Amino acid sequence: MKLFIDIIGWIGSIEVILAYGLNSYHKIDSSSLSFQILNFTGATFLIANTVYYGAFPSAFINVIWVIIAVPAIFQIIKKKKSFNSISKSS
């Protein structure tokens, strides 16, 4: 179990850093689904890792990260559906 938790912790760390780096260098936009999913999955993996190791302040910040990412993901999906339905009716 420890190895699994360590692996997802590293994957989560890489995802969050990748999202930040790609956004900082204008490769992806913060309003993109890719950015939000990287942040969501990265934070989720980090929550599992930090709770396992009892690092509750880090777990807390990642819970907040997920709470921010979830509505943003739904908003992006809703916009895409709305845009697709508008372009199909044109």
PDB file of N, CA and C in Angstrom:
ATOM      1  N   MET A   1       0.827  -1.203   0.000  1.00  0.00           N
ATOM      2  CA  MET A   1       0.000   0.000   0.000  1.00  0.00           C
ATOM      3  C   MET A   1       0.866   1.260   0.000  1.00  0.00           C
ATOM      4  N   LYS A   2       1.949   1.234   0.770  1.00  0.00           N
ATOM      5  CA  LYS A   2       2.811   2.395   0.865  1.00  0.00           C
ATOM      6  C   LYS A   2       3.380   2.768  -0.506  1.00  0.00           C
ATOM      7  N   LEU A   3       3.803   1.778  -1.273  1.00  0.00           N
ATOM      8  CA  LEU A   3       4.354   2.037  -2.604  1.00  0.00           C
ATOM      9  C   LEU A   3       3.300   2.683  -3.506  1.00  0.00           C
ATOM     10  N   PHE A   4       2.086   2.183  -3.458  1.00  0.00           N
ATOM     11  CA  PHE A   4       0.988   2.743  -4.253  1.00  0.00           C
ATOM     12  C   PHE A   4       0.747   4.204  -3.872  1.00  0.00           C
ATOM     13  N   ILE A   5       0.698   4.480  -2.578  1.00  0.00           N
ATOM     14  CA  ILE A   5       0.483   5.853  -2.088  1.00  0.00           C
ATOM     15  C   ILE A   5       1.632   6.760  -2.525  1.00  0.00           C
ATOM     16  N   ASP A   6       2.852   6.253  -2.457  1.00  0.00           N
ATOM     17  CA  ASP A   6       4.003   7.043  -2.904  1.00  0.00           C
ATOM     18  C   ASP A   6       3.925   7.346  -4.399  1.00  0.00           C
ATOM     19  N   ILE A   7       3.558   6.348  -5.179  1.00  0.00           N
ATOM     20  CA  ILE A   7       3.466   6.539  -6.634  1.00  0.00           C
ATOM     21  C   ILE A   7       2.399   7.572  -6.982  1.00  0.00           C
ATOM     22  N   ILE A   8       1.195   7.451  -6.381  1.00  0.00           N
ATOM     23  CA  ILE A   8       0.160   8.443  -6.722  1.00  0.00           C
ATOM     24  C   ILE A   8       0.522   9.826  -6.183  1.00  0.00           C
ATOM     25  N   GLY A   9       1.262   9.873  -5.096  1.00  0.00           N
ATOM     26  CA  GLY A   9       1.733  11.174  -4.597  1.00  0.00           C
ATOM     27  C   GLY A   9       2.670  11.843  -5.587  1.00  0.00           C
ATOM     28  N   TRP A  10       3.587  11.065  -6.148  1.00  0.00           N
ATOM     29  CA  TRP A  10       4.512  11.612  -7.151  1.00  0.00           C
ATOM     30  C   TRP A  10       3.770  12.004  -8.428  1.00  0.00           C
ATOM     31  N   ILE A  11       2.830  11.172  -8.845  1.00  0.00           N
ATOM     32  CA  ILE A  11       2.041  11.506 -10.040  1.00  0.00           C
ATOM     33  C   ILE A  11       1.262  12.797  -9.805  1.00  0.00           C
ATOM     34  N   GLY A  12       0.636  12.915  -8.638  1.00  0.00           N
ATOM     35  CA  GLY A  12      -0.100  14.135  -8.300  1.00  0.00           C
ATOM     36  C   GLY A  12       0.790  15.360  -8.313  1.00  0.00           C
ATOM     37  N   SER A  13       1.972  15.236  -7.736  1.00  0.00           N
ATOM     38  CA  SER A  13       2.915  16.361  -7.725  1.00  0.00           C
ATOM     39  C   SER A  13       3.292  16.775  -9.136  1.00  0.00           C
ATOM     40  N   ILE A  14       3.576  15.795  -9.973  1.00  0.00           N
ATOM     41  CA  ILE A  14       3.951  16.078 -11.362  1.00  0.00           C
ATOM     42  C   ILE A  14       2.793  16.742 -12.108  1.00  0.00           C
ATOM     43  N   GLU A  15       1.566  16.261 -11.880  1.00  0.00           N
ATOM     44  CA  GLU A  15       0.408  16.846 -12.574  1.00  0.00           C
ATOM     45  C   GLU A  15       0.195  18.307 -12.188  1.00  0.00           C
ATOM     46  N   VAL A  16       0.276  18.613 -10.909  1.00  0.00           N
ATOM     47  CA  VAL A  16       0.058  19.997 -10.461  1.00  0.00           C
ATOM     48  C   VAL A  16       1.162  20.909 -10.999  1.00  0.00           C
ATOM     49  N   ILE A  17       2.401  20.451 -10.947  1.00  0.00           N
ATOM     50  CA  ILE A  17       3.516  21.249 -11.475  1.00  0.00           C
ATOM     51  C   ILE A  17       3.403  21.401 -12.986  1.00  0.00           C
ATOM     52  N   LEU A  18       3.003  20.333 -13.671  1.00  0.00           N
ATOM     53  CA  LEU A  18       2.833  20.381 -15.122  1.00  0.00           C
ATOM     54  C   LEU A  18       1.751  21.392 -15.500  1.00  0.00           C
ATOM     55  N   ALA A  19       0.627  21.371 -14.801  1.00  0.00           N
ATOM     56  CA  ALA A  19      -0.450  22.330 -15.074  1.00  0.00           C
ATOM     57  C   ALA A  19       0.052  23.755 -14.887  1.00  0.00           C
ATOM     58  N   TYR A  20       0.745  23.992 -13.792  1.00  0.00           N
ATOM     59  CA  TYR A  20       1.252  25.333 -13.504  1.00  0.00           C
ATOM     60  C   TYR A  20       2.278  25.768 -14.552  1.00  0.00           C
ATOM     61  N   GLY A  21       3.201  24.870 -14.875  1.00  0.00           N
ATOM     62  CA  GLY A  21       4.240  25.195 -15.853  1.00  0.00           C
ATOM     63  C   GLY A  21       3.670  25.465 -17.236  1.00  0.00           C
ATOM     64  N   LEU A  22       2.784  24.581 -17.690  1.00  0.00           N
ATOM     65  CA  LEU A  22       2.176  24.775 -19.011  1.00  0.00           C
ATOM     66  C   LEU A  22       1.367  26.062 -19.075  1.00  0.00           C
ATOM     67  N   ASN A  23       0.698  26.398 -17.983  1.00  0.00           N
ATOM     68  CA  ASN A  23      -0.058  27.642 -17.939  1.00  0.00           C
ATOM     69  C   ASN A  23       0.883  28.847 -17.912  1.00  0.00           C
ATOM     70  N   SER A  24       1.934  28.747 -17.146  1.00  0.00           N
ATOM     71  CA  SER A  24       2.887  29.865 -17.028  1.00  0.00           C
ATOM     72  C   SER A  24       3.571  30.178 -18.353  1.00  0.00           C
ATOM     73  N   TYR A  25       3.795  29.147 -19.163  1.00  0.00           N
ATOM     74  CA  TYR A  25       4.447  29.342 -20.458  1.00  0.00           C
ATOM     75  C   TYR A  25       3.449  29.406 -21.616  1.00  0.00           C
ATOM     76  N   HIS A  26       2.186  29.644 -21.268  1.00  0.00           N
ATOM     77  CA  HIS A  26       1.112  29.866 -22.240  1.00  0.00           C
ATOM     78  C   HIS A  26       0.919  28.699 -23.214  1.00  0.00           C
ATOM     79  N   LYS A  27       1.132  27.496 -22.722  1.00  0.00           N
ATOM     80  CA  LYS A  27       0.882  26.304 -23.538  1.00  0.00           C
ATOM     81  C   LYS A  27      -0.553  25.817 -23.359  1.00  0.00           C
ATOM     82  N   ILE A  28      -1.109  26.041 -22.173  1.00  0.00           N
ATOM     83  CA  ILE A  28      -2.521  25.786 -21.920  1.00  0.00           C
ATOM     84  C   ILE A  28      -3.067  26.955 -21.116  1.00  0.00           C
ATOM     85  N   ASP A  29      -4.342  27.197 -21.277  1.00  0.00           N
ATOM     86  CA  ASP A  29      -4.996  28.296 -20.583  1.00  0.00           C
ATOM     87  C   ASP A  29      -5.624  27.778 -19.286  1.00  0.00           C
ATOM     88  N   SER A  30      -5.703  28.625 -18.298  1.00  0.00           N
ATOM     89  CA  SER A  30      -6.301  28.212 -17.026  1.00  0.00           C
ATOM     90  C   SER A  30      -7.788  27.896 -17.164  1.00  0.00           C
ATOM     91  N   SER A  31      -8.397  28.346 -18.240  1.00  0.00           N
ATOM     92  CA  SER A  31      -9.803  28.029 -18.459  1.00  0.00           C
ATOM     93  C   SER A  31      -9.982  26.784 -19.327  1.00  0.00           C
ATOM     94  N   SER A  32      -8.885  26.069 -19.599  1.00  0.00           N
ATOM     95  CA  SER A  32      -8.982  24.860 -20.415  1.00  0.00           C
ATOM     96  C   SER A  32      -9.309  23.649 -19.546  1.00  0.00           C
ATOM     97  N   LEU A  33      -9.960  22.692 -20.170  1.00  0.00           N
ATOM     98  CA  LEU A  33     -10.300  21.458 -19.471  1.00  0.00           C
ATOM     99  C   LEU A  33      -9.032  20.709 -19.064  1.00  0.00           C
ATOM    100  N   SER A  34      -8.015  20.735 -19.897  1.00  0.00           N
ATOM    101  CA  SER A  34      -6.746  20.054 -19.590  1.00  0.00           C
ATOM    102  C   SER A  34      -6.135  20.584 -18.285  1.00  0.00           C
ATOM    103  N   PHE A  35      -6.085  21.896 -18.169  1.00  0.00           N
ATOM    104  CA  PHE A  35      -5.526  22.523 -16.973  1.00  0.00           C
ATOM    105  C   PHE A  35      -6.299  22.118 -15.722  1.00  0.00           C
ATOM    106  N   GLN A  36      -7.620  22.201 -15.812  1.00  0.00           N
ATOM    107  CA  GLN A  36      -8.448  21.895 -14.646  1.00  0.00           C
ATOM    108  C   GLN A  36      -8.385  20.412 -14.266  1.00  0.00           C
ATOM    109  N   ILE A  37      -8.344  19.534 -15.251  1.00  0.00           N
ATOM    110  CA  ILE A  37      -8.261  18.100 -14.944  1.00  0.00           C
ATOM    111  C   ILE A  37      -6.905  17.751 -14.348  1.00  0.00           C
ATOM    112  N   LEU A  38      -5.836  18.338 -14.867  1.00  0.00           N
ATOM    113  CA  LEU A  38      -4.518  18.111 -14.259  1.00  0.00           C
ATOM    114  C   LEU A  38      -4.515  18.557 -12.800  1.00  0.00           C
ATOM    115  N   ASN A  39      -5.094  19.710 -12.526  1.00  0.00           N
ATOM    116  CA  ASN A  39      -5.165  20.190 -11.147  1.00  0.00           C
ATOM    117  C   ASN A  39      -6.057  19.301 -10.282  1.00  0.00           C
ATOM    118  N   PHE A  40      -7.199  18.898 -10.811  1.00  0.00           N
ATOM    119  CA  PHE A  40      -8.128  18.050 -10.061  1.00  0.00           C
ATOM    120  C   PHE A  40      -7.502  16.698  -9.721  1.00  0.00           C
ATOM    121  N   THR A  41      -6.993  16.013 -10.724  1.00  0.00           N
ATOM    122  CA  THR A  41      -6.424  14.684 -10.455  1.00  0.00           C
ATOM    123  C   THR A  41      -5.145  14.790  -9.624  1.00  0.00           C
ATOM    124  N   GLY A  42      -4.339  15.794  -9.914  1.00  0.00           N
ATOM    125  CA  GLY A  42      -3.122  15.989  -9.125  1.00  0.00           C
ATOM    126  C   GLY A  42      -3.435  16.224  -7.657  1.00  0.00           C
ATOM    127  N   ALA A  43      -4.383  17.102  -7.396  1.00  0.00           N
ATOM    128  CA  ALA A  43      -4.764  17.393  -6.010  1.00  0.00           C
ATOM    129  C   ALA A  43      -5.409  16.186  -5.342  1.00  0.00           C
ATOM    130  N   THR A  44      -6.219  15.438  -6.090  1.00  0.00           N
ATOM    131  CA  THR A  44      -6.855  14.239  -5.531  1.00  0.00           C
ATOM    132  C   THR A  44      -5.799  13.216  -5.119  1.00  0.00           C
ATOM    133  N   PHE A  45      -4.828  12.993  -5.986  1.00  0.00           N
ATOM    134  CA  PHE A  45      -3.749  12.057  -5.661  1.00  0.00           C
ATOM    135  C   PHE A  45      -2.940  12.553  -4.461  1.00  0.00           C
ATOM    136  N   LEU A  46      -2.700  13.853  -4.419  1.00  0.00           N
ATOM    137  CA  LEU A  46      -1.953  14.411  -3.287  1.00  0.00           C
ATOM    138  C   LEU A  46      -2.747  14.327  -1.985  1.00  0.00           C
ATOM    139  N   ILE A  47      -4.058  14.422  -2.054  1.00  0.00           N
ATOM    140  CA  ILE A  47      -4.882  14.256  -0.852  1.00  0.00           C
ATOM    141  C   ILE A  47      -4.668  12.859  -0.281  1.00  0.00           C
ATOM    142  N   ALA A  48      -4.746  11.847  -1.143  1.00  0.00           N
ATOM    143  CA  ALA A  48      -4.548  10.467  -0.679  1.00  0.00           C
ATOM    144  C   ALA A  48      -3.173  10.310  -0.037  1.00  0.00           C
ATOM    145  N   ASN A  49      -2.157  10.869  -0.669  1.00  0.00           N
ATOM    146  CA  ASN A  49      -0.801  10.759  -0.157  1.00  0.00           C
ATOM    147  C   ASN A  49      -0.626  11.484   1.174  1.00  0.00           C
ATOM    148  N   THR A  50      -1.117  12.712   1.255  1.00  0.00           N
ATOM    149  CA  THR A  50      -0.893  13.498   2.466  1.00  0.00           C
ATOM    150  C   THR A  50      -1.724  12.997   3.645  1.00  0.00           C
ATOM    151  N   VAL A  51      -2.924  12.502   3.386  1.00  0.00           N
ATOM    152  CA  VAL A  51      -3.725  11.925   4.469  1.00  0.00           C
ATOM    153  C   VAL A  51      -3.050  10.657   4.984  1.00  0.00           C
ATOM    154  N   TYR A  52      -2.565   9.835   4.072  1.00  0.00           N
ATOM    155  CA  TYR A  52      -1.873   8.596   4.464  1.00  0.00           C
ATOM    156  C   TYR A  52      -0.698   8.901   5.398  1.00  0.00           C
ATOM    157  N   TYR A  53       0.049   9.948   5.078  1.00  0.00           N
ATOM    158  CA  TYR A  53       1.217  10.302   5.889  1.00  0.00           C
ATOM    159  C   TYR A  53       0.900  11.272   7.027  1.00  0.00           C
ATOM    160  N   GLY A  54      -0.354  11.650   7.174  1.00  0.00           N
ATOM    161  CA  GLY A  54      -0.746  12.526   8.278  1.00  0.00           C
ATOM    162  C   GLY A  54      -0.339  13.972   8.092  1.00  0.00           C
ATOM    163  N   ALA A  55      -0.111  14.385   6.853  1.00  0.00           N
ATOM    164  CA  ALA A  55       0.265  15.769   6.566  1.00  0.00           C
ATOM    165  C   ALA A  55      -1.019  16.557   6.285  1.00  0.00           C
ATOM    166  N   PHE A  56      -1.768  16.815   7.337  1.00  0.00           N
ATOM    167  CA  PHE A  56      -3.105  17.385   7.189  1.00  0.00           C
ATOM    168  C   PHE A  56      -3.142  18.815   6.652  1.00  0.00           C
ATOM    169  N   PRO A  57      -2.173  19.681   6.956  1.00  0.00           N
ATOM    170  CA  PRO A  57      -2.199  21.007   6.321  1.00  0.00           C
ATOM    171  C   PRO A  57      -2.083  20.906   4.789  1.00  0.00           C
ATOM    172  N   SER A  58      -1.239  20.000   4.303  1.00  0.00           N
ATOM    173  CA  SER A  58      -1.118  19.798   2.858  1.00  0.00           C
ATOM    174  C   SER A  58      -2.389  19.165   2.293  1.00  0.00           C
ATOM    175  N   ALA A  59      -2.972  18.249   3.039  1.00  0.00           N
ATOM    176  CA  ALA A  59      -4.234  17.639   2.605  1.00  0.00           C
ATOM    177  C   ALA A  59      -5.304  18.716   2.490  1.00  0.00           C
ATOM    178  N   PHE A  60      -5.354  19.607   3.460  1.00  0.00           N
ATOM    179  CA  PHE A  60      -6.355  20.685   3.463  1.00  0.00           C
ATOM    180  C   PHE A  60      -6.251  21.547   2.206  1.00  0.00           C
ATOM    181  N   ILE A  61      -5.044  21.978   1.874  1.00  0.00           N
ATOM    182  CA  ILE A  61      -4.891  22.851   0.707  1.00  0.00           C
ATOM    183  C   ILE A  61      -5.287  22.120  -0.570  1.00  0.00           C
ATOM    184  N   ASN A  62      -5.030  20.823  -0.638  1.00  0.00           N
ATOM    185  CA  ASN A  62      -5.418  20.058  -1.820  1.00  0.00           C
ATOM    186  C   ASN A  62      -6.922  19.824  -1.885  1.00  0.00           C
ATOM    187  N   VAL A  63      -7.574  19.723  -0.746  1.00  0.00           N
ATOM    188  CA  VAL A  63      -9.042  19.643  -0.741  1.00  0.00           C
ATOM    189  C   VAL A  63      -9.615  20.937  -1.319  1.00  0.00           C
ATOM    190  N   ILE A  64      -9.053  22.065  -0.915  1.00  0.00           N
ATOM    191  CA  ILE A  64      -9.498  23.360  -1.452  1.00  0.00           C
ATOM    192  C   ILE A  64      -9.242  23.402  -2.959  1.00  0.00           C
ATOM    193  N   TRP A  65      -8.100  22.900  -3.392  1.00  0.00           N
ATOM    194  CA  TRP A  65      -7.745  22.853  -4.810  1.00  0.00           C
ATOM    195  C   TRP A  65      -8.803  22.080  -5.592  1.00  0.00           C
ATOM    196  N   VAL A  66      -9.239  20.938  -5.049  1.00  0.00           N
ATOM    197  CA  VAL A  66     -10.275  20.123  -5.689  1.00  0.00           C
ATOM    198  C   VAL A  66     -11.608  20.869  -5.705  1.00  0.00           C
ATOM    199  N   ILE A  67     -11.931  21.528  -4.595  1.00  0.00           N
ATOM    200  CA  ILE A  67     -13.197  22.288  -4.516  1.00  0.00           C
ATOM    201  C   ILE A  67     -13.218  23.399  -5.565  1.00  0.00           C
ATOM    202  N   ILE A  68     -12.089  23.968  -5.870  1.00  0.00           N
ATOM    203  CA  ILE A  68     -12.009  24.999  -6.909  1.00  0.00           C
ATOM    204  C   ILE A  68     -12.099  24.356  -8.301  1.00  0.00           C
ATOM    205  N   ALA A  69     -11.439  23.230  -8.481  1.00  0.00           N
ATOM    206  CA  ALA A  69     -11.369  22.603  -9.808  1.00  0.00           C
ATOM    207  C   ALA A  69     -12.699  22.007 -10.264  1.00  0.00           C
ATOM    208  N   VAL A  70     -13.451  21.398  -9.353  1.00  0.00           N
ATOM    209  CA  VAL A  70     -14.688  20.704  -9.753  1.00  0.00           C
ATOM    210  C   VAL A  70     -15.689  21.648 -10.425  1.00  0.00           C
ATOM    211  N   PRO A  71     -16.058  22.771  -9.802  1.00  0.00           N
ATOM    212  CA  PRO A  71     -17.001  23.663 -10.502  1.00  0.00           C
ATOM    213  C   PRO A  71     -16.420  24.228 -11.800  1.00  0.00           C
ATOM    214  N   ALA A  72     -15.114  24.468 -11.817  1.00  0.00           N
ATOM    215  CA  ALA A  72     -14.484  24.986 -13.038  1.00  0.00           C
ATOM    216  C   ALA A  72     -14.601  23.965 -14.170  1.00  0.00           C
ATOM    217  N   ILE A  73     -14.412  22.688 -13.862  1.00  0.00           N
ATOM    218  CA  ILE A  73     -14.548  21.631 -14.869  1.00  0.00           C
ATOM    219  C   ILE A  73     -15.977  21.594 -15.404  1.00  0.00           C
ATOM    220  N   PHE A  74     -16.956  21.621 -14.501  1.00  0.00           N
ATOM    221  CA  PHE A  74     -18.354  21.611 -14.935  1.00  0.00           C
ATOM    222  C   PHE A  74     -18.699  22.841 -15.770  1.00  0.00           C
ATOM    223  N   GLN A  75     -18.156  23.978 -15.396  1.00  0.00           N
ATOM    224  CA  GLN A  75     -18.404  25.215 -16.149  1.00  0.00           C
ATOM    225  C   GLN A  75     -17.827  25.103 -17.562  1.00  0.00           C
ATOM    226  N   ILE A  76     -16.631  24.557 -17.693  1.00  0.00           N
ATOM    227  CA  ILE A  76     -16.002  24.398 -19.004  1.00  0.00           C
ATOM    228  C   ILE A  76     -16.811  23.426 -19.862  1.00  0.00           C
ATOM    229  N   ILE A  77     -17.237  22.318 -19.269  1.00  0.00           N
ATOM    230  CA  ILE A  77     -18.041  21.334 -20.004  1.00  0.00           C
ATOM    231  C   ILE A  77     -19.364  21.954 -20.441  1.00  0.00           C
ATOM    232  N   LYS A  78     -19.983  22.713 -19.547  1.00  0.00           N
ATOM    233  CA  LYS A  78     -21.262  23.368 -19.871  1.00  0.00           C
ATOM    234  C   LYS A  78     -21.081  24.350 -21.031  1.00  0.00           C
ATOM    235  N   LYS A  79     -19.992  25.123 -21.009  1.00  0.00           N
ATOM    236  CA  LYS A  79     -19.720  26.068 -22.087  1.00  0.00           C
ATOM    237  C   LYS A  79     -19.514  25.344 -23.411  1.00  0.00           C
ATOM    238  N   LYS A  80     -18.777  24.230 -23.378  1.00  0.00           N
ATOM    239  CA  LYS A  80     -18.528  23.477 -24.609  1.00  0.00           C
ATOM    240  C   LYS A  80     -19.827  22.909 -25.166  1.00  0.00           C
ATOM    241  N   LYS A  81     -20.685  22.387 -24.302  1.00  0.00           N
ATOM    242  CA  LYS A  81     -21.969  21.853 -24.755  1.00  0.00           C
ATOM    243  C   LYS A  81     -22.816  22.969 -25.351  1.00  0.00           C
ATOM    244  N   SER A  82     -22.834  24.117 -24.706  1.00  0.00           N
ATOM    245  CA  SER A  82     -23.597  25.263 -25.185  1.00  0.00           C
ATOM    246  C   SER A  82     -23.064  25.736 -26.540  1.00  0.00           C
ATOM    247  N   PHE A  83     -21.753  25.818 -26.659  1.00  0.00           N
ATOM    248  CA  PHE A  83     -21.123  26.247 -27.911  1.00  0.00           C
ATOM    249  C   PHE A  83     -21.424  25.239 -29.020  1.00  0.00           C
ATOM    250  N   ASN A  84     -21.325  23.948 -28.714  1.00  0.00           N
ATOM    251  CA  ASN A  84     -21.589  22.914 -29.721  1.00  0.00           C
ATOM    252  C   ASN A  84     -23.036  22.942 -30.198  1.00  0.00           C
ATOM    253  N   SER A  85     -23.951  23.170 -29.279  1.00  0.00           N
ATOM    254  CA  SER A  85     -25.367  23.212 -29.684  1.00  0.00           C
ATOM    255  C   SER A  85     -25.670  24.462 -30.513  1.00  0.00           C
ATOM    256  N   ILE A  86     -24.998  25.554 -30.224  1.00  0.00           N
ATOM    257  CA  ILE A  86     -25.179  26.787 -30.999  1.00  0.00           C
ATOM    258  C   ILE A  86     -24.587  26.599 -32.408  1.00  0.00           C
ATOM    259  N   SER A  87     -23.394  26.012 -32.498  1.00  0.00           N
ATOM    260  CA  SER A  87     -22.767  25.847 -33.809  1.00  0.00           C
ATOM    261  C   SER A  87     -23.488  24.804 -34.664  1.00  0.00           C
ATOM    262  N   LYS A  88     -24.132  23.829 -34.057  1.00  0.00           N
ATOM    263  CA  LYS A  88     -24.887  22.827 -34.818  1.00  0.00           C
ATOM    264  C   LYS A  88     -26.182  23.412 -35.369  1.00  0.00           C
ATOM    265  N   SER A  89     -26.759  24.356 -34.653  1.00  0.00           N
ATOM    266  CA  SER A  89     -28.028  24.935 -35.098  1.00  0.00           C
ATOM    267  C   SER A  89     -27.819  26.032 -36.133  1.00  0.00           C
ATOM    268  N   SER A  90     -26.575  26.430 -36.357  1.00  0.00           N
ATOM    269  CA  SER A  90     -26.286  27.495 -37.350  1.00  0.00           C
ATOM    270  C   SER A  90     -26.267  26.969 -38.755  1.00  0.00           C
TER     271      SER A  90
END
